[in-house]
């Protein structure tokens, strides 16, 4: 009897994991990580020129994520700042209209 309960619990965990991974927002949430843009911090927070790594990360970052950052109260001050806009311009990345 204990073995069948363990099997049932294991099956339910696997099923739940499959549902969560197949959820429409699961992929977006995984790819929208502002920490991927840490190479841009010296340019956005300071007055440094954006590095090649920063520009590469910005170009590879989905526009939908940038829109989320623009609306996030904790991140919008960086994305919408004058230095943030300079970084986007220097990297030739268009800041999306959201």
PDB file of N, CA and C in Angstrom:
ATOM      1  N   UNK A   1       0.819  -1.200   0.000  1.00  0.00           N
ATOM      2  CA  UNK A   1       0.000   0.000   0.000  1.00  0.00           C
ATOM      3  C   UNK A   1       0.864   1.266   0.000  1.00  0.00           C
ATOM      4  N   UNK A   2       1.971   1.265   0.756  1.00  0.00           N
ATOM      5  CA  UNK A   2       2.851   2.426   0.815  1.00  0.00           C
ATOM      6  C   UNK A   2       3.519   2.676  -0.531  1.00  0.00           C
ATOM      7  N   UNK A   3       3.846   1.590  -1.233  1.00  0.00           N
ATOM      8  CA  UNK A   3       4.479   1.724  -2.545  1.00  0.00           C
ATOM      9  C   UNK A   3       3.528   2.381  -3.550  1.00  0.00           C
ATOM     10  N   UNK A   4       2.244   2.048  -3.497  1.00  0.00           N
ATOM     11  CA  UNK A   4       1.299   2.643  -4.433  1.00  0.00           C
ATOM     12  C   UNK A   4       1.078   4.122  -4.120  1.00  0.00           C
ATOM     13  N   UNK A   5       1.103   4.497  -2.846  1.00  0.00           N
ATOM     14  CA  UNK A   5       0.984   5.914  -2.483  1.00  0.00           C
ATOM     15  C   UNK A   5       2.202   6.687  -2.970  1.00  0.00           C
ATOM     16  N   UNK A   6       3.369   6.091  -2.807  1.00  0.00           N
ATOM     17  CA  UNK A   6       4.590   6.746  -3.261  1.00  0.00           C
ATOM     18  C   UNK A   6       4.576   6.914  -4.777  1.00  0.00           C
ATOM     19  N   UNK A   7       4.097   5.913  -5.482  1.00  0.00           N
ATOM     20  CA  UNK A   7       4.005   5.978  -6.938  1.00  0.00           C
ATOM     21  C   UNK A   7       3.020   7.061  -7.353  1.00  0.00           C
ATOM     22  N   UNK A   8       1.889   7.156  -6.667  1.00  0.00           N
ATOM     23  CA  UNK A   8       0.887   8.167  -6.974  1.00  0.00           C
ATOM     24  C   UNK A   8       1.440   9.572  -6.732  1.00  0.00           C
ATOM     25  N   UNK A   9       2.125   9.764  -5.607  1.00  0.00           N
ATOM     26  CA  UNK A   9       2.710  11.070  -5.298  1.00  0.00           C
ATOM     27  C   UNK A   9       3.759  11.433  -6.347  1.00  0.00           C
ATOM     28  N   UNK A  10       4.593  10.474  -6.711  1.00  0.00           N
ATOM     29  CA  UNK A  10       5.620  10.713  -7.725  1.00  0.00           C
ATOM     30  C   UNK A  10       4.973  11.101  -9.056  1.00  0.00           C
ATOM     31  N   UNK A  11       3.922  10.408  -9.448  1.00  0.00           N
ATOM     32  CA  UNK A  11       3.217  10.714 -10.692  1.00  0.00           C
ATOM     33  C   UNK A  11       2.629  12.120 -10.637  1.00  0.00           C
ATOM     34  N   UNK A  12       2.054  12.506  -9.509  1.00  0.00           N
ATOM     35  CA  UNK A  12       1.444  13.829  -9.379  1.00  0.00           C
ATOM     36  C   UNK A  12       2.506  14.932  -9.471  1.00  0.00           C
ATOM     37  N   UNK A  13       3.671  14.704  -8.891  1.00  0.00           N
ATOM     38  CA  UNK A  13       4.745  15.693  -8.962  1.00  0.00           C
ATOM     39  C   UNK A  13       5.210  15.862 -10.405  1.00  0.00           C
ATOM     40  N   UNK A  14       5.381  14.755 -11.105  1.00  0.00           N
ATOM     41  CA  UNK A  14       5.802  14.813 -12.505  1.00  0.00           C
ATOM     42  C   UNK A  14       4.736  15.505 -13.353  1.00  0.00           C
ATOM     43  N   UNK A  15       3.480  15.202 -13.116  1.00  0.00           N
ATOM     44  CA  UNK A  15       2.392  15.831 -13.873  1.00  0.00           C
ATOM     45  C   UNK A  15       2.343  17.334 -13.618  1.00  0.00           C
ATOM     46  N   UNK A  16       2.517  17.736 -12.359  1.00  0.00           N
ATOM     47  CA  UNK A  16       2.504  19.159 -12.017  1.00  0.00           C
ATOM     48  C   UNK A  16       3.671  19.875 -12.684  1.00  0.00           C
ATOM     49  N   UNK A  17       4.832  19.259 -12.670  1.00  0.00           N
ATOM     50  CA  UNK A  17       5.996  19.857 -13.321  1.00  0.00           C
ATOM     51  C   UNK A  17       5.754  20.027 -14.816  1.00  0.00           C
ATOM     52  N   UNK A  18       5.136  19.042 -15.438  1.00  0.00           N
ATOM     53  CA  UNK A  18       4.848  19.120 -16.872  1.00  0.00           C
ATOM     54  C   UNK A  18       3.873  20.246 -17.174  1.00  0.00           C
ATOM     55  N   UNK A  19       2.870  20.417 -16.337  1.00  0.00           N
ATOM     56  CA  UNK A  19       1.886  21.490 -16.529  1.00  0.00           C
ATOM     57  C   UNK A  19       2.555  22.850 -16.378  1.00  0.00           C
ATOM     58  N   UNK A  20       3.395  23.001 -15.372  1.00  0.00           N
ATOM     59  CA  UNK A  20       4.060  24.284 -15.152  1.00  0.00           C
ATOM     60  C   UNK A  20       5.011  24.626 -16.295  1.00  0.00           C
ATOM     61  N   UNK A  21       5.711  23.641 -16.803  1.00  0.00           N
ATOM     62  CA  UNK A  21       6.631  23.891 -17.898  1.00  0.00           C
ATOM     63  C   UNK A  21       5.905  24.198 -19.198  1.00  0.00           C
ATOM     64  N   UNK A  22       4.707  23.673 -19.351  1.00  0.00           N
ATOM     65  CA  UNK A  22       3.946  23.910 -20.570  1.00  0.00           C
ATOM     66  C   UNK A  22       3.103  25.174 -20.498  1.00  0.00           C
ATOM     67  N   UNK A  23       3.071  25.840 -19.345  1.00  0.00           N
ATOM     68  CA  UNK A  23       2.270  27.051 -19.183  1.00  0.00           C
ATOM     69  C   UNK A  23       2.784  28.127 -20.129  1.00  0.00           C
ATOM     70  N   UNK A  24       1.888  28.929 -20.716  1.00  0.00           N
ATOM     71  CA  UNK A  24       2.295  29.926 -21.704  1.00  0.00           C
ATOM     72  C   UNK A  24       3.327  30.921 -21.196  1.00  0.00           C
ATOM     73  N   UNK A  25       3.265  31.351 -19.964  1.00  0.00           N
ATOM     74  CA  UNK A  25       4.199  32.335 -19.439  1.00  0.00           C
ATOM     75  C   UNK A  25       5.482  31.744 -18.912  1.00  0.00           C
ATOM     76  N   UNK A  26       5.604  30.430 -18.874  1.00  0.00           N
ATOM     77  CA  UNK A  26       6.774  29.805 -18.273  1.00  0.00           C
ATOM     78  C   UNK A  26       8.050  30.133 -19.043  1.00  0.00           C
ATOM     79  N   UNK A  27       7.982  30.143 -20.361  1.00  0.00           N
ATOM     80  CA  UNK A  27       9.171  30.421 -21.149  1.00  0.00           C
ATOM     81  C   UNK A  27       9.573  31.881 -21.007  1.00  0.00           C
ATOM     82  N   UNK A  28       8.591  32.802 -21.042  1.00  0.00           N
ATOM     83  CA  UNK A  28       8.894  34.218 -20.900  1.00  0.00           C
ATOM     84  C   UNK A  28       9.533  34.515 -19.560  1.00  0.00           C
ATOM     85  N   UNK A  29       9.002  33.907 -18.507  1.00  0.00           N
ATOM     86  CA  UNK A  29       9.534  34.156 -17.177  1.00  0.00           C
ATOM     87  C   UNK A  29      10.969  33.678 -17.075  1.00  0.00           C
ATOM     88  N   UNK A  30      11.273  32.586 -17.734  1.00  0.00           N
ATOM     89  CA  UNK A  30      12.627  32.050 -17.655  1.00  0.00           C
ATOM     90  C   UNK A  30      13.609  32.926 -18.425  1.00  0.00           C
ATOM     91  N   UNK A  31      13.187  33.535 -19.525  1.00  0.00           N
ATOM     92  CA  UNK A  31      14.100  34.328 -20.326  1.00  0.00           C
ATOM     93  C   UNK A  31      14.196  35.771 -19.858  1.00  0.00           C
ATOM     94  N   UNK A  32      13.242  36.252 -19.103  1.00  0.00           N
ATOM     95  CA  UNK A  32      13.268  37.627 -18.612  1.00  0.00           C
ATOM     96  C   UNK A  32      14.001  37.688 -17.275  1.00  0.00           C
ATOM     97  N   UNK A  33      15.283  37.819 -17.351  1.00  0.00           N
ATOM     98  CA  UNK A  33      16.096  37.913 -16.153  1.00  0.00           C
ATOM     99  C   UNK A  33      16.956  39.170 -16.246  1.00  0.00           C
ATOM    100  N   UNK A  34      16.637  40.193 -15.452  1.00  0.00           N
ATOM    101  CA  UNK A  34      17.417  41.420 -15.540  1.00  0.00           C
ATOM    102  C   UNK A  34      18.889  41.219 -15.177  1.00  0.00           C
ATOM    103  N   UNK A  35      19.201  40.148 -14.471  1.00  0.00           N
ATOM    104  CA  UNK A  35      20.604  39.897 -14.127  1.00  0.00           C
ATOM    105  C   UNK A  35      21.446  39.584 -15.356  1.00  0.00           C
ATOM    106  N   UNK A  36      20.787  39.207 -16.468  1.00  0.00           N
ATOM    107  CA  UNK A  36      21.525  38.972 -17.709  1.00  0.00           C
ATOM    108  C   UNK A  36      22.126  40.268 -18.250  1.00  0.00           C
ATOM    109  N   UNK A  37      21.617  41.388 -17.771  1.00  0.00           N
ATOM    110  CA  UNK A  37      22.092  42.681 -18.260  1.00  0.00           C
ATOM    111  C   UNK A  37      23.119  43.325 -17.332  1.00  0.00           C
ATOM    112  N   UNK A  38      23.675  42.568 -16.403  1.00  0.00           N
ATOM    113  CA  UNK A  38      24.671  43.139 -15.482  1.00  0.00           C
ATOM    114  C   UNK A  38      25.898  43.713 -16.192  1.00  0.00           C
ATOM    115  N   UNK A  39      26.292  43.216 -17.372  1.00  0.00           N
ATOM    116  CA  UNK A  39      27.416  43.885 -18.046  1.00  0.00           C
ATOM    117  C   UNK A  39      27.120  45.349 -18.386  1.00  0.00           C
ATOM    118  N   UNK A  40      25.849  45.737 -18.367  1.00  0.00           N
ATOM    119  CA  UNK A  40      25.468  47.119 -18.685  1.00  0.00           C
ATOM    120  C   UNK A  40      25.454  48.033 -17.462  1.00  0.00           C
ATOM    121  N   UNK A  41      25.589  47.480 -16.277  1.00  0.00           N
ATOM    122  CA  UNK A  41      25.488  48.274 -15.048  1.00  0.00           C
ATOM    123  C   UNK A  41      26.479  49.436 -15.010  1.00  0.00           C
ATOM    124  N   UNK A  42      27.767  49.239 -15.326  1.00  0.00           N
ATOM    125  CA  UNK A  42      28.688  50.385 -15.269  1.00  0.00           C
ATOM    126  C   UNK A  42      28.284  51.527 -16.204  1.00  0.00           C
ATOM    127  N   UNK A  43      27.681  51.189 -17.328  1.00  0.00           N
ATOM    128  CA  UNK A  43      27.270  52.221 -18.276  1.00  0.00           C
ATOM    129  C   UNK A  43      25.981  52.907 -17.843  1.00  0.00           C
ATOM    130  N   UNK A  44      25.062  52.155 -17.245  1.00  0.00           N
ATOM    131  CA  UNK A  44      23.772  52.733 -16.866  1.00  0.00           C
ATOM    132  C   UNK A  44      23.878  53.481 -15.541  1.00  0.00           C
ATOM    133  N   UNK A  45      24.571  52.902 -14.586  1.00  0.00           N
ATOM    134  CA  UNK A  45      24.683  53.524 -13.262  1.00  0.00           C
ATOM    135  C   UNK A  45      25.752  54.608 -13.260  1.00  0.00           C
ATOM    136  N   UNK A  46      26.859  54.349 -13.956  1.00  0.00           N
ATOM    137  CA  UNK A  46      27.935  55.330 -14.049  1.00  0.00           C
ATOM    138  C   UNK A  46      27.892  56.015 -15.386  1.00  0.00           C
ATOM    139  N   UNK A  47      29.028  56.496 -15.809  1.00  0.00           N
ATOM    140  CA  UNK A  47      29.106  57.156 -17.119  1.00  0.00           C
ATOM    141  C   UNK A  47      30.031  56.419 -18.069  1.00  0.00           C
ATOM    142  N   UNK A  48      30.268  55.140 -17.822  1.00  0.00           N
ATOM    143  CA  UNK A  48      31.144  54.357 -18.684  1.00  0.00           C
ATOM    144  C   UNK A  48      30.457  54.088 -20.020  1.00  0.00           C
ATOM    145  N   UNK A  49      31.270  53.874 -21.018  1.00  0.00           N
ATOM    146  CA  UNK A  49      30.726  53.479 -22.317  1.00  0.00           C
ATOM    147  C   UNK A  49      30.272  52.028 -22.213  1.00  0.00           C
ATOM    148  N   UNK A  50      29.196  51.666 -22.895  1.00  0.00           N
ATOM    149  CA  UNK A  50      28.752  50.271 -22.833  1.00  0.00           C
ATOM    150  C   UNK A  50      29.771  49.341 -23.485  1.00  0.00           C
ATOM    151  N   UNK A  51      30.011  48.224 -22.854  1.00  0.00           N
ATOM    152  CA  UNK A  51      30.964  47.240 -23.372  1.00  0.00           C
ATOM    153  C   UNK A  51      30.316  46.435 -24.498  1.00  0.00           C
ATOM    154  N   UNK A  52      31.140  45.691 -25.213  1.00  0.00           N
ATOM    155  CA  UNK A  52      30.625  44.806 -26.255  1.00  0.00           C
ATOM    156  C   UNK A  52      29.719  43.748 -25.639  1.00  0.00           C
ATOM    157  N   UNK A  53      30.076  43.288 -24.436  1.00  0.00           N
ATOM    158  CA  UNK A  53      29.239  42.292 -23.751  1.00  0.00           C
ATOM    159  C   UNK A  53      27.867  42.871 -23.421  1.00  0.00           C
ATOM    160  N   UNK A  54      27.855  44.121 -22.988  1.00  0.00           N
ATOM    161  CA  UNK A  54      26.585  44.793 -22.678  1.00  0.00           C
ATOM    162  C   UNK A  54      25.721  44.875 -23.933  1.00  0.00           C
ATOM    163  N   UNK A  55      26.292  45.352 -25.022  1.00  0.00           N
ATOM    164  CA  UNK A  55      25.514  45.501 -26.257  1.00  0.00           C
ATOM    165  C   UNK A  55      25.022  44.147 -26.764  1.00  0.00           C
ATOM    166  N   UNK A  56      25.848  43.132 -26.638  1.00  0.00           N
ATOM    167  CA  UNK A  56      25.433  41.800 -27.060  1.00  0.00           C
ATOM    168  C   UNK A  56      24.249  41.292 -26.255  1.00  0.00           C
ATOM    169  N   UNK A  57      24.285  41.517 -24.947  1.00  0.00           N
ATOM    170  CA  UNK A  57      23.182  41.085 -24.082  1.00  0.00           C
ATOM    171  C   UNK A  57      21.916  41.873 -24.400  1.00  0.00           C
ATOM    172  N   UNK A  58      22.052  43.187 -24.618  1.00  0.00           N
ATOM    173  CA  UNK A  58      20.870  44.000 -24.952  1.00  0.00           C
ATOM    174  C   UNK A  58      20.236  43.545 -26.258  1.00  0.00           C
ATOM    175  N   UNK A  59      21.068  43.271 -27.245  1.00  0.00           N
ATOM    176  CA  UNK A  59      20.538  42.857 -28.555  1.00  0.00           C
ATOM    177  C   UNK A  59      19.858  41.497 -28.485  1.00  0.00           C
ATOM    178  N   UNK A  60      20.354  40.637 -27.600  1.00  0.00           N
ATOM    179  CA  UNK A  60      19.777  39.291 -27.478  1.00  0.00           C
ATOM    180  C   UNK A  60      18.564  39.248 -26.555  1.00  0.00           C
ATOM    181  N   UNK A  61      18.344  40.305 -25.800  1.00  0.00           N
ATOM    182  CA  UNK A  61      17.250  40.323 -24.832  1.00  0.00           C
ATOM    183  C   UNK A  61      15.922  40.600 -25.533  1.00  0.00           C
ATOM    184  N   UNK A  62      14.889  39.819 -25.258  1.00  0.00           N
ATOM    185  CA  UNK A  62      13.592  40.034 -25.912  1.00  0.00           C
ATOM    186  C   UNK A  62      12.965  41.390 -25.568  1.00  0.00           C
ATOM    187  N   UNK A  63      12.342  42.005 -26.542  1.00  0.00           N
ATOM    188  CA  UNK A  63      11.682  43.291 -26.326  1.00  0.00           C
ATOM    189  C   UNK A  63      10.586  43.176 -25.270  1.00  0.00           C
ATOM    190  N   UNK A  64       9.924  42.040 -25.206  1.00  0.00           N
ATOM    191  CA  UNK A  64       8.864  41.871 -24.207  1.00  0.00           C
ATOM    192  C   UNK A  64       9.436  41.967 -22.787  1.00  0.00           C
ATOM    193  N   UNK A  65      10.655  41.511 -22.606  1.00  0.00           N
ATOM    194  CA  UNK A  65      11.291  41.616 -21.292  1.00  0.00           C
ATOM    195  C   UNK A  65      11.619  43.073 -20.980  1.00  0.00           C
ATOM    196  N   UNK A  66      12.107  43.793 -21.978  1.00  0.00           N
ATOM    197  CA  UNK A  66      12.430  45.203 -21.761  1.00  0.00           C
ATOM    198  C   UNK A  66      11.175  45.983 -21.389  1.00  0.00           C
ATOM    199  N   UNK A  67      10.046  45.620 -21.966  1.00  0.00           N
ATOM    200  CA  UNK A  67       8.781  46.268 -21.596  1.00  0.00           C
ATOM    201  C   UNK A  67       8.432  45.979 -20.138  1.00  0.00           C
ATOM    202  N   UNK A  68       8.662  44.751 -19.715  1.00  0.00           N
ATOM    203  CA  UNK A  68       8.406  44.410 -18.313  1.00  0.00           C
ATOM    204  C   UNK A  68       9.288  45.230 -17.395  1.00  0.00           C
ATOM    205  N   UNK A  69      10.554  45.413 -17.777  1.00  0.00           N
ATOM    206  CA  UNK A  69      11.475  46.183 -16.955  1.00  0.00           C
ATOM    207  C   UNK A  69      11.068  47.651 -16.910  1.00  0.00           C
ATOM    208  N   UNK A  70      10.561  48.173 -18.050  1.00  0.00           N
ATOM    209  CA  UNK A  70      10.124  49.570 -18.089  1.00  0.00           C
ATOM    210  C   UNK A  70       8.951  49.829 -17.154  1.00  0.00           C
ATOM    211  N   UNK A  71       8.146  48.787 -16.907  1.00  0.00           N
ATOM    212  CA  UNK A  71       6.960  48.933 -16.063  1.00  0.00           C
ATOM    213  C   UNK A  71       7.220  48.541 -14.609  1.00  0.00           C
ATOM    214  N   UNK A  72       8.326  47.872 -14.358  1.00  0.00           N
ATOM    215  CA  UNK A  72       8.654  47.414 -13.010  1.00  0.00           C
ATOM    216  C   UNK A  72       9.179  48.596 -12.186  1.00  0.00           C
ATOM    217  N   UNK A  73       8.538  48.904 -11.050  1.00  0.00           N
ATOM    218  CA  UNK A  73       8.969  50.053 -10.242  1.00  0.00           C
ATOM    219  C   UNK A  73      10.429  49.960  -9.776  1.00  0.00           C
ATOM    220  N   UNK A  74      10.944  48.766  -9.630  1.00  0.00           N
ATOM    221  CA  UNK A  74      12.329  48.599  -9.180  1.00  0.00           C
ATOM    222  C   UNK A  74      13.349  48.729 -10.305  1.00  0.00           C
ATOM    223  N   UNK A  75      12.914  48.554 -11.540  1.00  0.00           N
ATOM    224  CA  UNK A  75      13.847  48.569 -12.664  1.00  0.00           C
ATOM    225  C   UNK A  75      13.668  49.750 -13.605  1.00  0.00           C
ATOM    226  N   UNK A  76      12.491  50.357 -13.604  1.00  0.00           N
ATOM    227  CA  UNK A  76      12.213  51.405 -14.586  1.00  0.00           C
ATOM    228  C   UNK A  76      13.141  52.600 -14.455  1.00  0.00           C
ATOM    229  N   UNK A  77      13.644  52.872 -13.262  1.00  0.00           N
ATOM    230  CA  UNK A  77      14.534  54.029 -13.104  1.00  0.00           C
ATOM    231  C   UNK A  77      15.856  53.820 -13.847  1.00  0.00           C
ATOM    232  N   UNK A  78      16.221  52.566 -14.109  1.00  0.00           N
ATOM    233  CA  UNK A  78      17.440  52.288 -14.871  1.00  0.00           C
ATOM    234  C   UNK A  78      17.166  52.306 -16.369  1.00  0.00           C
ATOM    235  N   UNK A  79      16.093  51.647 -16.772  1.00  0.00           N
ATOM    236  CA  UNK A  79      15.766  51.559 -18.202  1.00  0.00           C
ATOM    237  C   UNK A  79      15.390  52.932 -18.760  1.00  0.00           C
ATOM    238  N   UNK A  80      14.639  53.699 -17.998  1.00  0.00           N
ATOM    239  CA  UNK A  80      14.149  54.991 -18.469  1.00  0.00           C
ATOM    240  C   UNK A  80      15.084  56.154 -18.152  1.00  0.00           C
ATOM    241  N   UNK A  81      16.203  55.887 -17.487  1.00  0.00           N
ATOM    242  CA  UNK A  81      17.127  56.959 -17.108  1.00  0.00           C
ATOM    243  C   UNK A  81      17.842  57.510 -18.338  1.00  0.00           C
ATOM    244  N   UNK A  82      18.369  58.729 -18.229  1.00  0.00           N
ATOM    245  CA  UNK A  82      19.139  59.276 -19.358  1.00  0.00           C
ATOM    246  C   UNK A  82      20.320  58.372 -19.737  1.00  0.00           C
ATOM    247  N   UNK A  83      21.034  57.824 -18.751  1.00  0.00           N
ATOM    248  CA  UNK A  83      22.148  56.928 -19.067  1.00  0.00           C
ATOM    249  C   UNK A  83      21.652  55.635 -19.705  1.00  0.00           C
ATOM    250  N   UNK A  84      20.516  55.134 -19.243  1.00  0.00           N
ATOM    251  CA  UNK A  84      19.944  53.929 -19.846  1.00  0.00           C
ATOM    252  C   UNK A  84      19.619  54.155 -21.309  1.00  0.00           C
ATOM    253  N   UNK A  85      19.032  55.297 -21.604  1.00  0.00           N
ATOM    254  CA  UNK A  85      18.701  55.621 -22.992  1.00  0.00           C
ATOM    255  C   UNK A  85      19.957  55.796 -23.840  1.00  0.00           C
ATOM    256  N   UNK A  86      21.029  56.352 -23.233  1.00  0.00           N
ATOM    257  CA  UNK A  86      22.300  56.487 -23.952  1.00  0.00           C
ATOM    258  C   UNK A  86      22.882  55.114 -24.290  1.00  0.00           C
ATOM    259  N   UNK A  87      22.758  54.188 -23.357  1.00  0.00           N
ATOM    260  CA  UNK A  87      23.285  52.832 -23.586  1.00  0.00           C
ATOM    261  C   UNK A  87      22.534  52.167 -24.735  1.00  0.00           C
ATOM    262  N   UNK A  88      21.213  52.274 -24.722  1.00  0.00           N
ATOM    263  CA  UNK A  88      20.428  51.699 -25.821  1.00  0.00           C
ATOM    264  C   UNK A  88      20.839  52.316 -27.149  1.00  0.00           C
ATOM    265  N   UNK A  89      21.019  53.629 -27.164  1.00  0.00           N
ATOM    266  CA  UNK A  89      21.400  54.310 -28.408  1.00  0.00           C
ATOM    267  C   UNK A  89      22.799  53.887 -28.852  1.00  0.00           C
ATOM    268  N   UNK A  90      23.746  53.829 -27.920  1.00  0.00           N
ATOM    269  CA  UNK A  90      25.123  53.462 -28.272  1.00  0.00           C
ATOM    270  C   UNK A  90      25.201  52.028 -28.789  1.00  0.00           C
ATOM    271  N   UNK A  91      24.348  51.160 -28.254  1.00  0.00           N
ATOM    272  CA  UNK A  91      24.339  49.758 -28.687  1.00  0.00           C
ATOM    273  C   UNK A  91      23.462  49.538 -29.914  1.00  0.00           C
ATOM    274  N   UNK A  92      22.816  50.604 -30.364  1.00  0.00           N
ATOM    275  CA  UNK A  92      21.916  50.532 -31.531  1.00  0.00           C
ATOM    276  C   UNK A  92      20.780  49.541 -31.299  1.00  0.00           C
ATOM    277  N   UNK A  93      20.243  49.623 -30.077  1.00  0.00           N
ATOM    278  CA  UNK A  93      19.088  48.800 -29.702  1.00  0.00           C
ATOM    279  C   UNK A  93      17.932  49.756 -29.476  1.00  0.00           C
ATOM    280  N   UNK A  94      16.859  49.504 -30.166  1.00  0.00           N
ATOM    281  CA  UNK A  94      15.678  50.362 -30.031  1.00  0.00           C
ATOM    282  C   UNK A  94      14.923  50.000 -28.770  1.00  0.00           C
ATOM    283  N   UNK A  95      14.705  50.978 -27.923  1.00  0.00           N
ATOM    284  CA  UNK A  95      13.916  50.771 -26.719  1.00  0.00           C
ATOM    285  C   UNK A  95      12.460  50.650 -27.140  1.00  0.00           C
ATOM    286  N   UNK A  96      11.833  49.514 -26.851  1.00  0.00           N
ATOM    287  CA  UNK A  96      10.473  49.308 -27.367  1.00  0.00           C
ATOM    288  C   UNK A  96       9.455  50.246 -26.729  1.00  0.00           C
ATOM    289  N   UNK A  97       8.436  50.553 -27.510  1.00  0.00           N
ATOM    290  CA  UNK A  97       7.288  51.294 -26.970  1.00  0.00           C
ATOM    291  C   UNK A  97       6.341  50.257 -26.401  1.00  0.00           C
ATOM    292  N   UNK A  98       5.958  50.452 -25.188  1.00  0.00           N
ATOM    293  CA  UNK A  98       5.115  49.451 -24.527  1.00  0.00           C
ATOM    294  C   UNK A  98       3.763  50.044 -24.155  1.00  0.00           C
TER     295      UNK A  98
END
